[in-house]
């Protein structure tokens, strides 16, 4: 009897494991690399997952979008397999594909693939009013946060420094704070200026300009014009006046598109279902953040896509008659 009981118990346990495995066998999980929690990348990733997870009963896909170090970190996360998808600046998609800085120490990422583009982004510099920074050259000798390693703002700031012929020593202090840390650093008078490559309106810029008298700084000049001429992935951009306290006028700068990327190895069905979840609900998606309000299908499937389109995304776009 003991033997029969043991056999029966083992059968039940094994049967239970088998049931769990079978119940979970059809489920697939995707992870999207985003950015800091105060930025639009994080909202974008969470919003995409919101619609993917709503359709879970149909496609059995579960989506997760944790905060990350930003665009460069998301490229590396795609490369390592940590993420299935990653949000990044369009220039980082291009740089990963070509294997140029900041990815010059790795093989070109020939398998990176575009899914769709999102909001326009602007390289943004906000400075304390009492720091007397009214133009780009006034940053010299000041305490400046150039962004955390792995972020788009850091990479863009370094490109601006390169065309300006600046070394870090031109600043009295260089910090590498994360986006969520910048506003409090400004209000505590620990830095004179913060930077961000981000869609607007943005929570961190809103907080900093509300708690501190601060001015947006124009990113213009001959060297910036040369940067725009040399790097096709950058475009002229403007932060609209009146968006932040104390800044009634438009502020010119440079910008680009945020893009959702993946790799050629990602299951086409996963990509198809993610794309379908977003575009079938695009009107609702656009209401989840002010930066999304001007999104247009025709632009999302073309503008800013500096890598080949993933076949799963192309399948959906062809079904809709867009390709």
C-alpha atoms as a PDB file:
ATOM      1  CA  UNK A   1       0.000   0.000   0.000  1.00  0.00           C
ATOM      2  CA  UNK A   2       2.844   2.391   0.837  1.00  0.00           C
ATOM      3  CA  UNK A   3       4.365   1.643  -2.532  1.00  0.00           C
ATOM      4  CA  UNK A   4       1.087   2.276  -4.331  1.00  0.00           C
ATOM      5  CA  UNK A   5       0.616   5.511  -2.389  1.00  0.00           C
ATOM      6  CA  UNK A   6       4.120   6.668  -3.300  1.00  0.00           C
ATOM      7  CA  UNK A   7       3.538   5.852  -6.957  1.00  0.00           C
ATOM      8  CA  UNK A   8       0.195   7.648  -6.915  1.00  0.00           C
ATOM      9  CA  UNK A   9       1.692  10.679  -5.182  1.00  0.00           C
ATOM     10  CA  UNK A  10       4.543  10.853  -7.682  1.00  0.00           C
ATOM     11  CA  UNK A  11       2.053  10.570 -10.530  1.00  0.00           C
ATOM     12  CA  UNK A  12       0.002  13.424  -9.121  1.00  0.00           C
ATOM     13  CA  UNK A  13       3.093  15.590  -8.623  1.00  0.00           C
ATOM     14  CA  UNK A  14       4.416  14.854 -12.084  1.00  0.00           C
ATOM     15  CA  UNK A  15       0.963  15.355 -13.532  1.00  0.00           C
ATOM     16  CA  UNK A  16       0.801  18.706 -11.744  1.00  0.00           C
ATOM     17  CA  UNK A  17       4.133  19.778 -13.208  1.00  0.00           C
ATOM     18  CA  UNK A  18       2.970  18.665 -16.621  1.00  0.00           C
ATOM     19  CA  UNK A  19      -0.229  20.682 -16.238  1.00  0.00           C
ATOM     20  CA  UNK A  20       1.706  23.802 -15.235  1.00  0.00           C
ATOM     21  CA  UNK A  21       4.098  23.383 -18.124  1.00  0.00           C
ATOM     22  CA  UNK A  22       1.217  22.886 -20.565  1.00  0.00           C
ATOM     23  CA  UNK A  23      -0.646  25.887 -19.143  1.00  0.00           C
ATOM     24  CA  UNK A  24       2.398  28.040 -19.581  1.00  0.00           C
ATOM     25  CA  UNK A  25       3.688  26.479 -22.784  1.00  0.00           C
ATOM     26  CA  UNK A  26       1.710  28.814 -24.994  1.00  0.00           C
ATOM     27  CA  UNK A  27       2.674  31.990 -23.156  1.00  0.00           C
ATOM     28  CA  UNK A  28       5.410  34.204 -24.537  1.00  0.00           C
ATOM     29  CA  UNK A  29       7.038  37.090 -22.758  1.00  0.00           C
ATOM     30  CA  UNK A  30       8.539  40.264 -24.202  1.00  0.00           C
ATOM     31  CA  UNK A  31      10.544  42.957 -22.461  1.00  0.00           C
ATOM     32  CA  UNK A  32      10.929  46.510 -23.749  1.00  0.00           C
ATOM     33  CA  UNK A  33      13.907  48.627 -22.662  1.00  0.00           C
ATOM     34  CA  UNK A  34      12.707  52.177 -21.951  1.00  0.00           C
ATOM     35  CA  UNK A  35      14.439  54.955 -19.996  1.00  0.00           C
ATOM     36  CA  UNK A  36      14.202  56.858 -16.732  1.00  0.00           C
ATOM     37  CA  UNK A  37      10.796  57.013 -15.074  1.00  0.00           C
ATOM     38  CA  UNK A  38      10.493  60.776 -15.614  1.00  0.00           C
ATOM     39  CA  UNK A  39      10.965  60.482 -19.378  1.00  0.00           C
ATOM     40  CA  UNK A  40       8.694  59.766 -22.325  1.00  0.00           C
ATOM     41  CA  UNK A  41      10.512  56.501 -23.180  1.00  0.00           C
ATOM     42  CA  UNK A  42       9.216  54.946 -19.970  1.00  0.00           C
ATOM     43  CA  UNK A  43       5.655  56.099 -20.685  1.00  0.00           C
ATOM     44  CA  UNK A  44       5.940  54.819 -24.256  1.00  0.00           C
ATOM     45  CA  UNK A  45       7.083  51.374 -23.157  1.00  0.00           C
ATOM     46  CA  UNK A  46       4.407  51.124 -20.487  1.00  0.00           C
ATOM     47  CA  UNK A  47       1.775  52.270 -22.974  1.00  0.00           C
ATOM     48  CA  UNK A  48       2.808  49.710 -25.585  1.00  0.00           C
ATOM     49  CA  UNK A  49       2.667  46.951 -22.973  1.00  0.00           C
ATOM     50  CA  UNK A  50      -0.726  48.163 -21.809  1.00  0.00           C
ATOM     51  CA  UNK A  51      -2.272  47.394 -25.198  1.00  0.00           C
ATOM     52  CA  UNK A  52      -0.286  44.195 -25.762  1.00  0.00           C
ATOM     53  CA  UNK A  53      -1.418  42.838 -22.392  1.00  0.00           C
ATOM     54  CA  UNK A  54      -5.045  43.769 -23.089  1.00  0.00           C
ATOM     55  CA  UNK A  55      -5.005  41.324 -25.980  1.00  0.00           C
ATOM     56  CA  UNK A  56      -3.327  38.563 -23.999  1.00  0.00           C
ATOM     57  CA  UNK A  57      -6.339  36.234 -24.218  1.00  0.00           C
ATOM     58  CA  UNK A  58      -6.024  36.253 -28.001  1.00  0.00           C
ATOM     59  CA  UNK A  59      -2.273  36.037 -28.568  1.00  0.00           C
ATOM     60  CA  UNK A  60      -0.984  34.811 -25.168  1.00  0.00           C
ATOM     61  CA  UNK A  61       1.816  37.379 -25.036  1.00  0.00           C
ATOM     62  CA  UNK A  62       2.832  39.110 -21.813  1.00  0.00           C
ATOM     63  CA  UNK A  63       4.681  42.431 -22.006  1.00  0.00           C
ATOM     64  CA  UNK A  64       6.942  44.155 -19.497  1.00  0.00           C
ATOM     65  CA  UNK A  65       8.656  47.563 -19.848  1.00  0.00           C
ATOM     66  CA  UNK A  66      11.102  48.285 -16.998  1.00  0.00           C
ATOM     67  CA  UNK A  67      12.993  51.541 -16.546  1.00  0.00           C
ATOM     68  CA  UNK A  68      16.475  51.467 -18.071  1.00  0.00           C
ATOM     69  CA  UNK A  69      19.550  53.602 -18.651  1.00  0.00           C
ATOM     70  CA  UNK A  70      18.171  54.938 -21.946  1.00  0.00           C
ATOM     71  CA  UNK A  71      18.804  54.530 -25.660  1.00  0.00           C
ATOM     72  CA  UNK A  72      22.435  53.386 -25.678  1.00  0.00           C
ATOM     73  CA  UNK A  73      21.729  50.957 -22.839  1.00  0.00           C
ATOM     74  CA  UNK A  74      18.729  49.634 -24.778  1.00  0.00           C
ATOM     75  CA  UNK A  75      20.901  48.931 -27.833  1.00  0.00           C
ATOM     76  CA  UNK A  76      23.245  46.946 -25.608  1.00  0.00           C
ATOM     77  CA  UNK A  77      20.253  45.201 -24.028  1.00  0.00           C
ATOM     78  CA  UNK A  78      19.033  44.111 -27.449  1.00  0.00           C
ATOM     79  CA  UNK A  79      22.501  42.865 -28.296  1.00  0.00           C
ATOM     80  CA  UNK A  80      22.782  40.832 -25.091  1.00  0.00           C
ATOM     81  CA  UNK A  81      19.247  39.474 -25.217  1.00  0.00           C
ATOM     82  CA  UNK A  82      18.159  41.258 -22.053  1.00  0.00           C
ATOM     83  CA  UNK A  83      15.445  43.038 -24.061  1.00  0.00           C
ATOM     84  CA  UNK A  84      13.349  41.913 -27.003  1.00  0.00           C
ATOM     85  CA  UNK A  85      12.595  45.524 -27.914  1.00  0.00           C
ATOM     86  CA  UNK A  86      14.197  48.837 -27.038  1.00  0.00           C
ATOM     87  CA  UNK A  87      13.266  52.495 -27.452  1.00  0.00           C
ATOM     88  CA  UNK A  88      16.077  54.722 -28.652  1.00  0.00           C
ATOM     89  CA  UNK A  89      16.904  57.813 -30.648  1.00  0.00           C
ATOM     90  CA  UNK A  90      16.896  57.292 -34.393  1.00  0.00           C
ATOM     91  CA  UNK A  91      20.591  58.167 -34.493  1.00  0.00           C
ATOM     92  CA  UNK A  92      21.412  55.365 -32.055  1.00  0.00           C
ATOM     93  CA  UNK A  93      19.585  52.889 -34.242  1.00  0.00           C
ATOM     94  CA  UNK A  94      21.763  54.044 -37.137  1.00  0.00           C
ATOM     95  CA  UNK A  95      24.987  54.058 -35.096  1.00  0.00           C
ATOM     96  CA  UNK A  96      24.369  50.533 -33.815  1.00  0.00           C
ATOM     97  CA  UNK A  97      23.711  49.323 -37.368  1.00  0.00           C
ATOM     98  CA  UNK A  98      26.927  50.905 -38.647  1.00  0.00           C
ATOM     99  CA  UNK A  99      29.081  50.189 -35.576  1.00  0.00           C
ATOM    100  CA  UNK A 100      30.105  53.801 -35.011  1.00  0.00           C
ATOM    101  CA  UNK A 101      30.502  55.732 -31.744  1.00  0.00           C
ATOM    102  CA  UNK A 102      29.307  55.078 -29.116  1.00  0.00           C
ATOM    103  CA  UNK A 103      29.268  51.483 -30.431  1.00  0.00           C
ATOM    104  CA  UNK A 104      32.647  51.579 -32.150  1.00  0.00           C
ATOM    105  CA  UNK A 105      34.112  48.880 -29.891  1.00  0.00           C
ATOM    106  CA  UNK A 106      31.572  46.279 -31.015  1.00  0.00           C
ATOM    107  CA  UNK A 107      30.800  44.664 -34.335  1.00  0.00           C
ATOM    108  CA  UNK A 108      28.214  46.528 -36.403  1.00  0.00           C
ATOM    109  CA  UNK A 109      24.776  45.341 -35.310  1.00  0.00           C
ATOM    110  CA  UNK A 110      23.636  44.131 -38.708  1.00  0.00           C
ATOM    111  CA  UNK A 111      20.586  42.412 -37.208  1.00  0.00           C
ATOM    112  CA  UNK A 112      19.005  45.502 -35.597  1.00  0.00           C
ATOM    113  CA  UNK A 113      15.542  46.133 -37.009  1.00  0.00           C
ATOM    114  CA  UNK A 114      13.093  49.029 -36.909  1.00  0.00           C
ATOM    115  CA  UNK A 115       9.509  48.531 -35.743  1.00  0.00           C
ATOM    116  CA  UNK A 116       8.009  52.048 -35.767  1.00  0.00           C
ATOM    117  CA  UNK A 117       8.900  55.577 -34.750  1.00  0.00           C
ATOM    118  CA  UNK A 118       7.299  57.500 -31.926  1.00  0.00           C
ATOM    119  CA  UNK A 119       7.442  61.112 -30.753  1.00  0.00           C
ATOM    120  CA  UNK A 120       9.821  63.799 -31.925  1.00  0.00           C
ATOM    121  CA  UNK A 121      12.569  64.571 -29.414  1.00  0.00           C
ATOM    122  CA  UNK A 122      14.578  67.695 -28.759  1.00  0.00           C
ATOM    123  CA  UNK A 123      18.038  68.097 -27.251  1.00  0.00           C
ATOM    124  CA  UNK A 124      17.155  70.297 -24.299  1.00  0.00           C
ATOM    125  CA  UNK A 125      19.333  72.409 -22.026  1.00  0.00           C
ATOM    126  CA  UNK A 126      17.755  74.125 -19.020  1.00  0.00           C
ATOM    127  CA  UNK A 127      19.840  76.502 -16.892  1.00  0.00           C
ATOM    128  CA  UNK A 128      19.319  78.318 -13.625  1.00  0.00           C
ATOM    129  CA  UNK A 129      18.528  81.960 -14.310  1.00  0.00           C
ATOM    130  CA  UNK A 130      21.059  83.134 -11.716  1.00  0.00           C
ATOM    131  CA  UNK A 131      23.839  81.240 -13.567  1.00  0.00           C
ATOM    132  CA  UNK A 132      23.745  83.816 -16.395  1.00  0.00           C
ATOM    133  CA  UNK A 133      23.530  81.207 -19.130  1.00  0.00           C
ATOM    134  CA  UNK A 134      21.663  82.672 -22.092  1.00  0.00           C
ATOM    135  CA  UNK A 135      23.439  80.908 -24.967  1.00  0.00           C
ATOM    136  CA  UNK A 136      25.334  77.685 -25.583  1.00  0.00           C
ATOM    137  CA  UNK A 137      28.807  79.198 -25.121  1.00  0.00           C
ATOM    138  CA  UNK A 138      27.803  80.435 -21.646  1.00  0.00           C
ATOM    139  CA  UNK A 139      27.956  76.840 -20.399  1.00  0.00           C
ATOM    140  CA  UNK A 140      31.735  77.109 -20.240  1.00  0.00           C
ATOM    141  CA  UNK A 141      32.918  77.482 -16.668  1.00  0.00           C
ATOM    142  CA  UNK A 142      29.579  76.254 -15.266  1.00  0.00           C
ATOM    143  CA  UNK A 143      28.391  73.161 -13.409  1.00  0.00           C
ATOM    144  CA  UNK A 144      26.700  71.056 -16.075  1.00  0.00           C
ATOM    145  CA  UNK A 145      24.990  67.693 -16.031  1.00  0.00           C
ATOM    146  CA  UNK A 146      25.757  65.990 -19.351  1.00  0.00           C
ATOM    147  CA  UNK A 147      23.740  62.848 -18.559  1.00  0.00           C
ATOM    148  CA  UNK A 148      24.276  59.339 -17.298  1.00  0.00           C
ATOM    149  CA  UNK A 149      26.414  56.919 -19.339  1.00  0.00           C
ATOM    150  CA  UNK A 150      24.196  54.919 -21.668  1.00  0.00           C
ATOM    151  CA  UNK A 151      21.719  57.740 -22.207  1.00  0.00           C
ATOM    152  CA  UNK A 152      20.866  59.558 -25.411  1.00  0.00           C
ATOM    153  CA  UNK A 153      21.421  62.939 -23.811  1.00  0.00           C
ATOM    154  CA  UNK A 154      24.985  61.981 -22.876  1.00  0.00           C
ATOM    155  CA  UNK A 155      25.829  60.806 -26.373  1.00  0.00           C
ATOM    156  CA  UNK A 156      24.266  63.880 -27.998  1.00  0.00           C
ATOM    157  CA  UNK A 157      25.941  66.236 -25.541  1.00  0.00           C
ATOM    158  CA  UNK A 158      29.296  64.653 -26.340  1.00  0.00           C
ATOM    159  CA  UNK A 159      28.671  65.200 -30.068  1.00  0.00           C
ATOM    160  CA  UNK A 160      27.870  68.848 -29.386  1.00  0.00           C
ATOM    161  CA  UNK A 161      31.055  69.140 -27.325  1.00  0.00           C
ATOM    162  CA  UNK A 162      33.040  67.585 -30.159  1.00  0.00           C
ATOM    163  CA  UNK A 163      31.840  70.067 -32.798  1.00  0.00           C
ATOM    164  CA  UNK A 164      32.375  72.925 -30.349  1.00  0.00           C
ATOM    165  CA  UNK A 165      35.926  71.718 -29.651  1.00  0.00           C
ATOM    166  CA  UNK A 166      35.175  71.388 -25.942  1.00  0.00           C
ATOM    167  CA  UNK A 167      36.773  69.041 -23.460  1.00  0.00           C
ATOM    168  CA  UNK A 168      35.051  68.292 -20.128  1.00  0.00           C
ATOM    169  CA  UNK A 169      37.560  70.653 -18.527  1.00  0.00           C
ATOM    170  CA  UNK A 170      35.728  73.657 -20.039  1.00  0.00           C
ATOM    171  CA  UNK A 171      33.101  73.159 -17.333  1.00  0.00           C
ATOM    172  CA  UNK A 172      33.752  73.840 -13.667  1.00  0.00           C
ATOM    173  CA  UNK A 173      31.884  70.623 -12.853  1.00  0.00           C
ATOM    174  CA  UNK A 174      30.669  67.748 -15.027  1.00  0.00           C
ATOM    175  CA  UNK A 175      28.017  65.486 -13.516  1.00  0.00           C
ATOM    176  CA  UNK A 176      26.388  62.334 -14.863  1.00  0.00           C
ATOM    177  CA  UNK A 177      23.090  62.395 -13.017  1.00  0.00           C
ATOM    178  CA  UNK A 178      20.163  60.310 -14.216  1.00  0.00           C
ATOM    179  CA  UNK A 179      17.124  62.178 -15.562  1.00  0.00           C
ATOM    180  CA  UNK A 180      15.135  61.737 -12.347  1.00  0.00           C
ATOM    181  CA  UNK A 181      17.933  63.330 -10.322  1.00  0.00           C
ATOM    182  CA  UNK A 182      18.413  66.490 -12.361  1.00  0.00           C
ATOM    183  CA  UNK A 183      15.491  68.649 -11.210  1.00  0.00           C
ATOM    184  CA  UNK A 184      16.300  68.319  -7.511  1.00  0.00           C
ATOM    185  CA  UNK A 185      20.000  68.962  -8.234  1.00  0.00           C
ATOM    186  CA  UNK A 186      19.049  72.220  -9.917  1.00  0.00           C
ATOM    187  CA  UNK A 187      16.660  73.332  -7.183  1.00  0.00           C
ATOM    188  CA  UNK A 188      19.307  72.509  -4.552  1.00  0.00           C
ATOM    189  CA  UNK A 189      21.808  74.632  -6.519  1.00  0.00           C
ATOM    190  CA  UNK A 190      24.159  71.702  -7.065  1.00  0.00           C
ATOM    191  CA  UNK A 191      24.272  72.213 -10.839  1.00  0.00           C
ATOM    192  CA  UNK A 192      23.823  75.251 -13.066  1.00  0.00           C
ATOM    193  CA  UNK A 193      22.416  73.448 -16.099  1.00  0.00           C
ATOM    194  CA  UNK A 194      20.786  70.143 -16.970  1.00  0.00           C
ATOM    195  CA  UNK A 195      20.401  68.415 -20.320  1.00  0.00           C
ATOM    196  CA  UNK A 196      17.860  66.008 -21.751  1.00  0.00           C
ATOM    197  CA  UNK A 197      17.116  64.527 -25.184  1.00  0.00           C
ATOM    198  CA  UNK A 198      13.400  64.099 -24.772  1.00  0.00           C
ATOM    199  CA  UNK A 199       9.883  64.635 -26.041  1.00  0.00           C
ATOM    200  CA  UNK A 200       7.945  67.592 -24.708  1.00  0.00           C
ATOM    201  CA  UNK A 201       6.251  68.339 -22.404  1.00  0.00           C
ATOM    202  CA  UNK A 202       8.508  66.521 -19.971  1.00  0.00           C
ATOM    203  CA  UNK A 203       8.029  65.985 -16.242  1.00  0.00           C
ATOM    204  CA  UNK A 204      11.633  66.603 -15.204  1.00  0.00           C
ATOM    205  CA  UNK A 205      11.844  69.881 -17.150  1.00  0.00           C
ATOM    206  CA  UNK A 206       8.445  70.862 -15.738  1.00  0.00           C
ATOM    207  CA  UNK A 207       9.610  70.172 -12.178  1.00  0.00           C
ATOM    208  CA  UNK A 208      12.916  72.001 -12.568  1.00  0.00           C
ATOM    209  CA  UNK A 209      11.351  75.091 -14.146  1.00  0.00           C
ATOM    210  CA  UNK A 210       8.620  75.173 -11.509  1.00  0.00           C
ATOM    211  CA  UNK A 211      10.843  74.878  -8.458  1.00  0.00           C
ATOM    212  CA  UNK A 212      13.641  77.080  -9.841  1.00  0.00           C
ATOM    213  CA  UNK A 213      13.812  80.186 -12.006  1.00  0.00           C
ATOM    214  CA  UNK A 214      15.244  78.546 -15.099  1.00  0.00           C
ATOM    215  CA  UNK A 215      15.681  79.289 -18.785  1.00  0.00           C
ATOM    216  CA  UNK A 216      15.799  77.036 -21.819  1.00  0.00           C
ATOM    217  CA  UNK A 217      19.027  77.527 -23.770  1.00  0.00           C
ATOM    218  CA  UNK A 218      19.055  77.661 -27.568  1.00  0.00           C
ATOM    219  CA  UNK A 219      21.308  75.049 -29.191  1.00  0.00           C
ATOM    220  CA  UNK A 220      22.350  77.005 -32.280  1.00  0.00           C
ATOM    221  CA  UNK A 221      25.391  78.447 -34.046  1.00  0.00           C
ATOM    222  CA  UNK A 222      27.753  77.656 -36.927  1.00  0.00           C
ATOM    223  CA  UNK A 223      29.077  74.494 -35.308  1.00  0.00           C
ATOM    224  CA  UNK A 224      25.546  73.199 -34.742  1.00  0.00           C
ATOM    225  CA  UNK A 225      24.695  73.966 -38.377  1.00  0.00           C
ATOM    226  CA  UNK A 226      27.704  71.884 -39.378  1.00  0.00           C
ATOM    227  CA  UNK A 227      26.552  69.045 -37.107  1.00  0.00           C
ATOM    228  CA  UNK A 228      23.146  69.110 -38.802  1.00  0.00           C
ATOM    229  CA  UNK A 229      24.812  69.059 -42.217  1.00  0.00           C
ATOM    230  CA  UNK A 230      27.081  66.136 -41.313  1.00  0.00           C
ATOM    231  CA  UNK A 231      24.574  63.993 -39.408  1.00  0.00           C
ATOM    232  CA  UNK A 232      21.373  63.420 -41.353  1.00  0.00           C
ATOM    233  CA  UNK A 233      19.712  61.755 -38.364  1.00  0.00           C
ATOM    234  CA  UNK A 234      19.576  65.144 -36.590  1.00  0.00           C
ATOM    235  CA  UNK A 235      17.087  67.810 -37.660  1.00  0.00           C
ATOM    236  CA  UNK A 236      16.296  71.340 -36.585  1.00  0.00           C
ATOM    237  CA  UNK A 237      13.781  71.319 -33.729  1.00  0.00           C
ATOM    238  CA  UNK A 238      11.919  73.759 -31.515  1.00  0.00           C
ATOM    239  CA  UNK A 239      10.612  73.652 -27.943  1.00  0.00           C
ATOM    240  CA  UNK A 240       7.345  75.634 -28.099  1.00  0.00           C
ATOM    241  CA  UNK A 241       7.138  78.805 -26.048  1.00  0.00           C
ATOM    242  CA  UNK A 242       4.825  78.827 -23.060  1.00  0.00           C
ATOM    243  CA  UNK A 243       5.255  75.144 -22.323  1.00  0.00           C
ATOM    244  CA  UNK A 244       7.343  75.779 -19.188  1.00  0.00           C
ATOM    245  CA  UNK A 245       7.208  78.520 -16.565  1.00  0.00           C
ATOM    246  CA  UNK A 246       9.412  81.495 -17.367  1.00  0.00           C
ATOM    247  CA  UNK A 247       9.941  80.480 -21.004  1.00  0.00           C
ATOM    248  CA  UNK A 248       7.359  82.282 -23.155  1.00  0.00           C
ATOM    249  CA  UNK A 249       9.306  82.121 -26.431  1.00  0.00           C
ATOM    250  CA  UNK A 250      10.172  79.246 -28.781  1.00  0.00           C
ATOM    251  CA  UNK A 251      13.620  77.735 -28.143  1.00  0.00           C
ATOM    252  CA  UNK A 252      15.488  76.371 -31.208  1.00  0.00           C
ATOM    253  CA  UNK A 253      17.619  73.252 -30.909  1.00  0.00           C
ATOM    254  CA  UNK A 254      18.321  69.958 -32.665  1.00  0.00           C
ATOM    255  CA  UNK A 255      16.232  66.823 -32.514  1.00  0.00           C
ATOM    256  CA  UNK A 256      15.214  63.516 -33.968  1.00  0.00           C
ATOM    257  CA  UNK A 257      12.718  60.719 -33.580  1.00  0.00           C
ATOM    258  CA  UNK A 258      12.345  58.122 -30.868  1.00  0.00           C
ATOM    259  CA  UNK A 259      12.113  54.676 -32.445  1.00  0.00           C
ATOM    260  CA  UNK A 260      11.147  51.214 -31.260  1.00  0.00           C
ATOM    261  CA  UNK A 261      13.764  48.687 -32.335  1.00  0.00           C
ATOM    262  CA  UNK A 262      14.225  44.945 -32.134  1.00  0.00           C
ATOM    263  CA  UNK A 263      16.458  42.340 -33.799  1.00  0.00           C
ATOM    264  CA  UNK A 264      15.989  40.139 -36.826  1.00  0.00           C
ATOM    265  CA  UNK A 265      15.900  37.102 -34.505  1.00  0.00           C
ATOM    266  CA  UNK A 266      12.718  38.244 -32.747  1.00  0.00           C
ATOM    267  CA  UNK A 267       9.766  36.027 -33.685  1.00  0.00           C
ATOM    268  CA  UNK A 268       7.829  37.776 -36.492  1.00  0.00           C
ATOM    269  CA  UNK A 269       4.550  36.833 -34.809  1.00  0.00           C
ATOM    270  CA  UNK A 270       5.595  38.630 -31.617  1.00  0.00           C
ATOM    271  CA  UNK A 271       6.463  41.754 -33.588  1.00  0.00           C
ATOM    272  CA  UNK A 272       3.259  41.538 -35.599  1.00  0.00           C
ATOM    273  CA  UNK A 273       1.075  41.253 -32.499  1.00  0.00           C
ATOM    274  CA  UNK A 274       2.859  44.138 -30.743  1.00  0.00           C
ATOM    275  CA  UNK A 275       2.476  46.392 -33.781  1.00  0.00           C
ATOM    276  CA  UNK A 276      -1.158  45.387 -34.199  1.00  0.00           C
ATOM    277  CA  UNK A 277      -1.855  46.109 -30.519  1.00  0.00           C
ATOM    278  CA  UNK A 278      -0.558  49.667 -30.899  1.00  0.00           C
ATOM    279  CA  UNK A 279      -1.956  50.630 -34.315  1.00  0.00           C
ATOM    280  CA  UNK A 280      -5.362  49.063 -33.703  1.00  0.00           C
ATOM    281  CA  UNK A 281      -5.582  51.333 -30.651  1.00  0.00           C
ATOM    282  CA  UNK A 282      -3.602  54.337 -31.869  1.00  0.00           C
ATOM    283  CA  UNK A 283      -6.221  56.963 -30.980  1.00  0.00           C
ATOM    284  CA  UNK A 284      -6.241  55.740 -27.374  1.00  0.00           C
ATOM    285  CA  UNK A 285      -2.447  55.401 -27.367  1.00  0.00           C
ATOM    286  CA  UNK A 286      -2.075  59.051 -28.406  1.00  0.00           C
ATOM    287  CA  UNK A 287      -4.043  60.160 -25.348  1.00  0.00           C
ATOM    288  CA  UNK A 288      -1.614  58.557 -22.890  1.00  0.00           C
ATOM    289  CA  UNK A 289       0.982  61.367 -23.118  1.00  0.00           C
ATOM    290  CA  UNK A 290       0.933  64.853 -24.684  1.00  0.00           C
ATOM    291  CA  UNK A 291       4.081  63.982 -26.668  1.00  0.00           C
ATOM    292  CA  UNK A 292       2.072  61.344 -28.566  1.00  0.00           C
ATOM    293  CA  UNK A 293      -0.793  63.585 -29.684  1.00  0.00           C
ATOM    294  CA  UNK A 294       0.645  64.350 -33.143  1.00  0.00           C
ATOM    295  CA  UNK A 295       1.595  60.778 -34.061  1.00  0.00           C
ATOM    296  CA  UNK A 296       0.557  59.792 -37.588  1.00  0.00           C
ATOM    297  CA  UNK A 297       0.595  56.282 -39.033  1.00  0.00           C
ATOM    298  CA  UNK A 298       2.246  57.445 -42.266  1.00  0.00           C
ATOM    299  CA  UNK A 299       5.171  58.958 -40.340  1.00  0.00           C
ATOM    300  CA  UNK A 300       5.499  56.200 -37.738  1.00  0.00           C
ATOM    301  CA  UNK A 301       6.205  53.576 -40.395  1.00  0.00           C
ATOM    302  CA  UNK A 302       8.804  55.651 -42.265  1.00  0.00           C
ATOM    303  CA  UNK A 303      10.237  58.760 -40.552  1.00  0.00           C
ATOM    304  CA  UNK A 304      13.276  58.073 -38.368  1.00  0.00           C
ATOM    305  CA  UNK A 305      13.585  54.405 -39.306  1.00  0.00           C
ATOM    306  CA  UNK A 306      17.333  54.244 -39.873  1.00  0.00           C
ATOM    307  CA  UNK A 307      17.487  50.416 -39.886  1.00  0.00           C
ATOM    308  CA  UNK A 308      15.659  47.837 -42.021  1.00  0.00           C
ATOM    309  CA  UNK A 309      12.031  47.186 -41.079  1.00  0.00           C
ATOM    310  CA  UNK A 310      11.344  43.945 -39.196  1.00  0.00           C
ATOM    311  CA  UNK A 311       9.353  41.455 -41.275  1.00  0.00           C
ATOM    312  CA  UNK A 312       6.679  41.129 -38.569  1.00  0.00           C
ATOM    313  CA  UNK A 313       6.048  44.883 -38.639  1.00  0.00           C
ATOM    314  CA  UNK A 314       6.083  44.941 -42.449  1.00  0.00           C
ATOM    315  CA  UNK A 315       3.456  42.191 -42.498  1.00  0.00           C
ATOM    316  CA  UNK A 316       1.006  44.331 -40.517  1.00  0.00           C
ATOM    317  CA  UNK A 317       1.695  47.476 -42.546  1.00  0.00           C
ATOM    318  CA  UNK A 318       1.097  45.581 -45.783  1.00  0.00           C
ATOM    319  CA  UNK A 319      -2.178  44.212 -44.438  1.00  0.00           C
ATOM    320  CA  UNK A 320      -3.280  47.788 -43.777  1.00  0.00           C
ATOM    321  CA  UNK A 321      -2.240  48.844 -47.290  1.00  0.00           C
ATOM    322  CA  UNK A 322       0.453  51.207 -46.012  1.00  0.00           C
ATOM    323  CA  UNK A 323       3.341  49.454 -47.772  1.00  0.00           C
END
